[in-house]
Amino acid sequence: MMKTKEIRALNAQQLTDKLTELKKDLFHLRLQHATNQLDNPNKIVEVKRDIARVMTVLRERELAAKS
């Protein structure tokens, strides 16, 4: 789980890369969950929240650039 402070320290390219990585992780976690190989189902929730945090920071920066 990433902290918001850690996410804000990244630049735009790093955030985009992190978002791609997190989406791939979520896909693999869902696949493991569907085949009953996932040990901790709460990991899916954590990854979803990390994705939301990254997307929020990206959106904040996009809006700040417009104004």
C-alpha atoms as a PDB file:
ATOM      1  CA  MET A   1       0.000   0.000   0.000  1.00  0.00           C
ATOM      2  CA  MET A   2       1.380   3.362  -1.021  1.00  0.00           C
ATOM      3  CA  LYS A   3       0.986   6.492   1.050  1.00  0.00           C
ATOM      4  CA  THR A   4      -0.364   9.629  -0.577  1.00  0.00           C
ATOM      5  CA  LYS A   5       2.845  11.458   0.318  1.00  0.00           C
ATOM      6  CA  GLU A   6       4.866   8.872  -1.642  1.00  0.00           C
ATOM      7  CA  ILE A   7       2.548   9.201  -4.637  1.00  0.00           C
ATOM      8  CA  ARG A   8       2.773  12.995  -4.673  1.00  0.00           C
ATOM      9  CA  ALA A   9       6.589  12.752  -4.752  1.00  0.00           C
ATOM     10  CA  LEU A  10       6.474  11.014  -8.149  1.00  0.00           C
ATOM     11  CA  ASN A  11       6.479  12.895 -11.454  1.00  0.00           C
ATOM     12  CA  ALA A  12       3.788  12.485 -14.117  1.00  0.00           C
ATOM     13  CA  GLN A  13       5.619   9.780 -16.098  1.00  0.00           C
ATOM     14  CA  GLN A  14       6.303   7.753 -12.942  1.00  0.00           C
ATOM     15  CA  LEU A  15       2.648   8.062 -11.938  1.00  0.00           C
ATOM     16  CA  THR A  16       1.516   6.807 -15.334  1.00  0.00           C
ATOM     17  CA  ASP A  17       3.937   3.875 -15.099  1.00  0.00           C
ATOM     18  CA  LYS A  18       2.763   3.107 -11.562  1.00  0.00           C
ATOM     19  CA  LEU A  19      -0.872   3.194 -12.692  1.00  0.00           C
ATOM     20  CA  THR A  20      -0.145   0.710 -15.478  1.00  0.00           C
ATOM     21  CA  GLU A  21       1.698  -1.561 -13.053  1.00  0.00           C
ATOM     22  CA  LEU A  22      -1.139  -1.433 -10.514  1.00  0.00           C
ATOM     23  CA  LYS A  23      -3.744  -2.264 -13.161  1.00  0.00           C
ATOM     24  CA  LYS A  24      -1.704  -5.290 -14.224  1.00  0.00           C
ATOM     25  CA  ASP A  25      -1.424  -6.363 -10.582  1.00  0.00           C
ATOM     26  CA  LEU A  26      -5.187  -6.032 -10.160  1.00  0.00           C
ATOM     27  CA  PHE A  27      -5.778  -8.173 -13.246  1.00  0.00           C
ATOM     28  CA  HIS A  28      -3.487 -10.908 -11.919  1.00  0.00           C
ATOM     29  CA  LEU A  29      -5.067 -10.755  -8.464  1.00  0.00           C
ATOM     30  CA  ARG A  30      -8.552 -11.117  -9.959  1.00  0.00           C
ATOM     31  CA  LEU A  31      -7.353 -14.060 -12.021  1.00  0.00           C
ATOM     32  CA  GLN A  32      -5.904 -15.736  -8.927  1.00  0.00           C
ATOM     33  CA  HIS A  33      -9.120 -15.043  -7.025  1.00  0.00           C
ATOM     34  CA  ALA A  34     -11.220 -16.616  -9.771  1.00  0.00           C
ATOM     35  CA  THR A  35      -9.084 -19.778  -9.708  1.00  0.00           C
ATOM     36  CA  ASN A  36      -9.059 -19.922  -5.877  1.00  0.00           C
ATOM     37  CA  GLN A  37      -5.290 -19.351  -5.671  1.00  0.00           C
ATOM     38  CA  LEU A  38      -5.423 -16.011  -3.853  1.00  0.00           C
ATOM     39  CA  ASP A  39      -4.355 -16.213  -0.213  1.00  0.00           C
ATOM     40  CA  ASN A  40      -5.433 -12.726   0.844  1.00  0.00           C
ATOM     41  CA  PRO A  41      -8.520 -11.337  -0.934  1.00  0.00           C
ATOM     42  CA  ASN A  42      -8.036  -8.000   0.852  1.00  0.00           C
ATOM     43  CA  LYS A  43      -5.051  -7.402  -1.438  1.00  0.00           C
ATOM     44  CA  ILE A  44      -7.530  -6.659  -4.251  1.00  0.00           C
ATOM     45  CA  VAL A  45      -9.072  -3.854  -2.188  1.00  0.00           C
ATOM     46  CA  GLU A  46      -5.637  -2.394  -1.380  1.00  0.00           C
ATOM     47  CA  VAL A  47      -4.611  -2.333  -5.036  1.00  0.00           C
ATOM     48  CA  LYS A  48      -7.910  -0.703  -6.043  1.00  0.00           C
ATOM     49  CA  ARG A  49      -7.343   2.022  -3.462  1.00  0.00           C
ATOM     50  CA  ASP A  50      -3.793   2.586  -4.683  1.00  0.00           C
ATOM     51  CA  ILE A  51      -5.142   2.947  -8.235  1.00  0.00           C
ATOM     52  CA  ALA A  52      -7.670   5.505  -6.993  1.00  0.00           C
ATOM     53  CA  ARG A  53      -4.953   7.452  -5.157  1.00  0.00           C
ATOM     54  CA  VAL A  54      -2.734   7.609  -8.239  1.00  0.00           C
ATOM     55  CA  MET A  55      -5.626   8.638 -10.478  1.00  0.00           C
ATOM     56  CA  THR A  56      -6.641  11.347  -7.985  1.00  0.00           C
ATOM     57  CA  VAL A  57      -3.146  12.858  -7.929  1.00  0.00           C
ATOM     58  CA  LEU A  58      -2.969  12.764 -11.728  1.00  0.00           C
ATOM     59  CA  ARG A  59      -6.332  14.518 -11.971  1.00  0.00           C
ATOM     60  CA  GLU A  60      -5.325  17.160  -9.400  1.00  0.00           C
ATOM     61  CA  ARG A  61      -2.207  17.946 -11.419  1.00  0.00           C
ATOM     62  CA  GLU A  62      -4.226  18.108 -14.636  1.00  0.00           C
ATOM     63  CA  LEU A  63      -6.651  20.596 -13.111  1.00  0.00           C
ATOM     64  CA  ALA A  64      -3.828  22.655 -11.588  1.00  0.00           C
ATOM     65  CA  ALA A  65      -2.165  22.906 -14.987  1.00  0.00           C
ATOM     66  CA  LYS A  66      -5.362  24.263 -16.547  1.00  0.00           C
ATOM     67  CA  SER A  67      -5.740  27.088 -14.059  1.00  0.00           C
END
